[in-house]
Amino acid sequence: MKALFGIVSLLVALAVAGLIAVNQLKAVGKIGTSAATSADAPVAPQMSGSGTVRDQSRELQNKIANDAIKAMNQGAEARKDESEKP
């Protein structure tokens, strides 16, 4: 009886965690009713492939920094848009 109760409670906890995960993914737009297009798919970084490891590392660091700045700007624009709504 104890084992059955343990298994049932584990399944309930798993179901709750699954529902929370689905709600969070829907909130950030990772899953939904519409099919994802190829434009929505993440793209692997395009590296030049030539040069030293140091050059490749610097290029990757610059790309990451630029992406972080772009994401911060998009977040700021989204917050500004939300604050302008009545």
N, C-alpha and C. Protein backbone atom coordinates (compact mmCIF):
# COMPACT_ATOMS: atom_id res chain seq x y z
N MET A 1 0.82 -1.19 0.00
CA MET A 1 0.00 0.00 0.00
C MET A 1 0.87 1.26 0.00
N LYS A 2 1.97 1.19 0.78
CA LYS A 2 2.88 2.33 0.82
C LYS A 2 3.52 2.57 -0.54
N ALA A 3 3.90 1.51 -1.22
CA ALA A 3 4.53 1.63 -2.52
C ALA A 3 3.56 2.21 -3.54
N LEU A 4 2.31 1.77 -3.50
CA LEU A 4 1.30 2.29 -4.42
C LEU A 4 1.07 3.78 -4.18
N PHE A 5 0.99 4.17 -2.91
CA PHE A 5 0.81 5.59 -2.58
C PHE A 5 2.02 6.41 -3.07
N GLY A 6 3.22 5.87 -2.92
CA GLY A 6 4.43 6.55 -3.38
C GLY A 6 4.44 6.75 -4.88
N ILE A 7 4.04 5.73 -5.62
CA ILE A 7 4.02 5.81 -7.08
C ILE A 7 2.96 6.81 -7.55
N VAL A 8 1.79 6.75 -6.93
CA VAL A 8 0.71 7.67 -7.31
C VAL A 8 1.11 9.11 -7.01
N SER A 9 1.71 9.35 -5.85
CA SER A 9 2.12 10.72 -5.53
C SER A 9 3.23 11.20 -6.46
N LEU A 10 4.11 10.31 -6.87
CA LEU A 10 5.16 10.68 -7.83
C LEU A 10 4.55 11.05 -9.17
N LEU A 11 3.56 10.30 -9.62
CA LEU A 11 2.90 10.62 -10.89
C LEU A 11 2.14 11.94 -10.82
N VAL A 12 1.52 12.22 -9.69
CA VAL A 12 0.82 13.49 -9.52
C VAL A 12 1.81 14.65 -9.56
N ALA A 13 2.93 14.50 -8.87
CA ALA A 13 3.95 15.55 -8.88
C ALA A 13 4.50 15.75 -10.29
N LEU A 14 4.70 14.68 -11.02
CA LEU A 14 5.20 14.78 -12.39
C LEU A 14 4.18 15.49 -13.29
N ALA A 15 2.90 15.19 -13.10
CA ALA A 15 1.87 15.84 -13.90
C ALA A 15 1.82 17.34 -13.60
N VAL A 16 1.93 17.72 -12.34
CA VAL A 16 1.92 19.13 -11.97
C VAL A 16 3.13 19.84 -12.57
N ALA A 17 4.30 19.23 -12.48
CA ALA A 17 5.50 19.83 -13.06
C ALA A 17 5.36 19.97 -14.58
N GLY A 18 4.75 18.99 -15.23
CA GLY A 18 4.54 19.06 -16.67
C GLY A 18 3.60 20.19 -17.05
N LEU A 19 2.52 20.35 -16.29
CA LEU A 19 1.59 21.45 -16.57
C LEU A 19 2.24 22.81 -16.38
N ILE A 20 3.04 22.94 -15.35
CA ILE A 20 3.75 24.20 -15.12
C ILE A 20 4.73 24.48 -16.27
N ALA A 21 5.44 23.45 -16.71
CA ALA A 21 6.39 23.62 -17.81
C ALA A 21 5.68 24.04 -19.09
N VAL A 22 4.55 23.43 -19.39
CA VAL A 22 3.80 23.79 -20.59
C VAL A 22 3.32 25.23 -20.51
N ASN A 23 2.82 25.64 -19.36
CA ASN A 23 2.36 27.02 -19.20
C ASN A 23 3.51 28.01 -19.38
N GLN A 24 4.68 27.70 -18.85
CA GLN A 24 5.82 28.59 -18.98
C GLN A 24 6.29 28.66 -20.44
N LEU A 25 6.31 27.53 -21.12
CA LEU A 25 6.73 27.54 -22.52
C LEU A 25 5.74 28.29 -23.40
N LYS A 26 4.46 28.19 -23.09
CA LYS A 26 3.47 28.96 -23.84
C LYS A 26 3.65 30.44 -23.59
N ALA A 27 4.01 30.80 -22.37
CA ALA A 27 4.18 32.21 -22.02
C ALA A 27 5.33 32.85 -22.78
N VAL A 28 6.40 32.11 -23.01
CA VAL A 28 7.54 32.68 -23.73
C VAL A 28 7.46 32.42 -25.22
N GLY A 29 6.40 31.72 -25.66
CA GLY A 29 6.18 31.52 -27.09
C GLY A 29 6.98 30.40 -27.70
N LYS A 30 7.49 29.47 -26.90
CA LYS A 30 8.26 28.38 -27.46
C LYS A 30 7.35 27.30 -28.04
N ILE A 31 6.16 27.13 -27.48
CA ILE A 31 5.20 26.19 -28.04
C ILE A 31 3.87 26.90 -28.16
N GLY A 32 3.03 26.42 -29.02
CA GLY A 32 1.73 27.05 -29.17
C GLY A 32 0.93 26.36 -30.25
N THR A 33 -0.12 27.02 -30.70
CA THR A 33 -0.99 26.42 -31.70
C THR A 33 -0.42 26.54 -33.10
N SER A 34 0.38 27.58 -33.36
CA SER A 34 0.93 27.76 -34.69
C SER A 34 2.22 26.96 -34.85
N ALA A 35 2.46 26.52 -36.06
CA ALA A 35 3.68 25.77 -36.34
C ALA A 35 4.86 26.73 -36.45
N ALA A 36 5.99 26.29 -35.96
CA ALA A 36 7.19 27.13 -36.02
C ALA A 36 7.72 27.16 -37.45
N THR A 37 8.13 28.32 -37.87
CA THR A 37 8.71 28.45 -39.20
C THR A 37 10.22 28.30 -39.11
N SER A 38 10.84 28.17 -40.23
CA SER A 38 12.30 28.04 -40.23
C SER A 38 12.97 29.32 -39.77
N ALA A 39 12.29 30.45 -39.89
CA ALA A 39 12.86 31.71 -39.43
C ALA A 39 12.90 31.77 -37.90
N ASP A 40 12.02 31.01 -37.23
CA ASP A 40 11.98 30.99 -35.78
C ASP A 40 13.05 30.07 -35.19
N ALA A 41 13.58 29.18 -36.00
CA ALA A 41 14.55 28.21 -35.51
C ALA A 41 15.87 28.90 -35.18
N PRO A 42 16.52 28.46 -34.10
CA PRO A 42 17.82 29.06 -33.78
C PRO A 42 18.85 28.74 -34.85
N VAL A 43 19.71 29.68 -35.07
CA VAL A 43 20.72 29.54 -36.11
C VAL A 43 22.08 29.38 -35.44
N ALA A 44 22.86 28.44 -35.95
CA ALA A 44 24.21 28.25 -35.43
C ALA A 44 25.06 29.45 -35.82
N PRO A 45 25.94 29.89 -34.94
CA PRO A 45 26.77 31.05 -35.26
C PRO A 45 27.66 30.78 -36.46
N GLN A 46 27.77 31.77 -37.32
CA GLN A 46 28.61 31.66 -38.50
C GLN A 46 29.99 32.20 -38.18
N MET A 47 30.94 31.34 -38.11
CA MET A 47 32.31 31.74 -37.81
C MET A 47 33.11 31.70 -39.12
N SER A 48 34.11 32.54 -39.18
CA SER A 48 34.90 32.63 -40.41
C SER A 48 35.70 31.36 -40.65
N GLY A 49 36.11 30.68 -39.59
CA GLY A 49 36.85 29.44 -39.74
C GLY A 49 38.33 29.65 -40.00
N SER A 50 38.72 30.83 -40.40
CA SER A 50 40.12 31.10 -40.63
C SER A 50 40.67 31.90 -39.46
N GLY A 51 41.94 31.93 -39.34
CA GLY A 51 42.55 32.69 -38.26
C GLY A 51 42.90 31.79 -37.08
N THR A 52 43.47 32.42 -36.09
CA THR A 52 43.91 31.67 -34.93
C THR A 52 42.75 31.45 -33.97
N VAL A 53 42.99 30.65 -32.97
CA VAL A 53 41.98 30.41 -31.95
C VAL A 53 41.66 31.72 -31.23
N ARG A 54 42.66 32.54 -31.04
CA ARG A 54 42.44 33.83 -30.39
C ARG A 54 41.48 34.70 -31.20
N ASP A 55 41.67 34.73 -32.53
CA ASP A 55 40.80 35.52 -33.39
C ASP A 55 39.37 34.97 -33.37
N GLN A 56 39.25 33.65 -33.41
CA GLN A 56 37.93 33.03 -33.37
C GLN A 56 37.25 33.31 -32.04
N SER A 57 38.01 33.26 -30.95
CA SER A 57 37.45 33.54 -29.64
C SER A 57 36.98 34.99 -29.55
N ARG A 58 37.79 35.90 -30.04
CA ARG A 58 37.43 37.32 -30.02
C ARG A 58 36.18 37.57 -30.86
N GLU A 59 36.10 36.90 -32.02
CA GLU A 59 34.94 37.05 -32.89
C GLU A 59 33.67 36.54 -32.19
N LEU A 60 33.78 35.41 -31.52
CA LEU A 60 32.64 34.85 -30.80
C LEU A 60 32.24 35.75 -29.63
N GLN A 61 33.21 36.29 -28.91
CA GLN A 61 32.90 37.19 -27.81
C GLN A 61 32.19 38.45 -28.30
N ASN A 62 32.65 38.98 -29.42
CA ASN A 62 32.00 40.16 -30.00
C ASN A 62 30.57 39.86 -30.43
N LYS A 63 30.38 38.68 -31.01
CA LYS A 63 29.03 38.29 -31.44
C LYS A 63 28.11 38.16 -30.25
N ILE A 64 28.59 37.55 -29.18
CA ILE A 64 27.78 37.38 -27.97
C ILE A 64 27.46 38.74 -27.36
N ALA A 65 28.43 39.62 -27.32
CA ALA A 65 28.20 40.96 -26.77
C ALA A 65 27.16 41.71 -27.60
N ASN A 66 27.27 41.62 -28.92
CA ASN A 66 26.30 42.29 -29.79
C ASN A 66 24.91 41.71 -29.62
N ASP A 67 24.82 40.38 -29.48
CA ASP A 67 23.53 39.73 -29.27
C ASP A 67 22.92 40.15 -27.93
N ALA A 68 23.75 40.28 -26.90
CA ALA A 68 23.25 40.70 -25.59
C ALA A 68 22.73 42.12 -25.65
N ILE A 69 23.43 43.00 -26.33
CA ILE A 69 22.98 44.39 -26.48
C ILE A 69 21.67 44.44 -27.25
N LYS A 70 21.58 43.63 -28.31
CA LYS A 70 20.35 43.59 -29.10
C LYS A 70 19.18 43.10 -28.26
N ALA A 71 19.40 42.07 -27.45
CA ALA A 71 18.33 41.54 -26.59
C ALA A 71 17.90 42.56 -25.55
N MET A 72 18.86 43.28 -24.98
CA MET A 72 18.52 44.30 -23.98
C MET A 72 17.72 45.43 -24.62
N ASN A 73 18.07 45.82 -25.83
CA ASN A 73 17.33 46.86 -26.53
C ASN A 73 15.90 46.42 -26.85
N GLN A 74 15.76 45.14 -27.25
CA GLN A 74 14.42 44.63 -27.54
C GLN A 74 13.58 44.60 -26.26
N GLY A 75 14.18 44.23 -25.14
CA GLY A 75 13.47 44.23 -23.87
C GLY A 75 13.04 45.62 -23.46
N ALA A 76 13.92 46.58 -23.66
CA ALA A 76 13.59 47.96 -23.32
C ALA A 76 12.45 48.47 -24.20
N GLU A 77 12.47 48.13 -25.48
CA GLU A 77 11.39 48.55 -26.38
C GLU A 77 10.07 47.90 -25.98
N ALA A 78 10.12 46.63 -25.59
CA ALA A 78 8.89 45.94 -25.18
C ALA A 78 8.32 46.56 -23.92
N ARG A 79 9.18 46.91 -22.97
CA ARG A 79 8.70 47.55 -21.73
C ARG A 79 8.12 48.93 -22.03
N LYS A 80 8.76 49.65 -22.97
CA LYS A 80 8.26 50.97 -23.34
C LYS A 80 6.89 50.84 -23.99
N ASP A 81 6.74 49.82 -24.86
CA ASP A 81 5.46 49.60 -25.52
C ASP A 81 4.37 49.24 -24.51
N GLU A 82 4.73 48.44 -23.50
CA GLU A 82 3.75 48.04 -22.48
C GLU A 82 3.32 49.22 -21.63
N SER A 83 4.27 50.12 -21.35
CA SER A 83 3.93 51.27 -20.51
C SER A 83 3.08 52.29 -21.26
N GLU A 84 3.13 52.29 -22.59
CA GLU A 84 2.35 53.23 -23.37
C GLU A 84 0.90 52.77 -23.55
N LYS A 85 0.63 51.48 -23.31
CA LYS A 85 -0.73 50.97 -23.45
C LYS A 85 -1.59 51.49 -22.32
N PRO A 86 -2.86 51.80 -22.63
CA PRO A 86 -3.74 52.34 -21.58
C PRO A 86 -4.14 51.31 -20.57
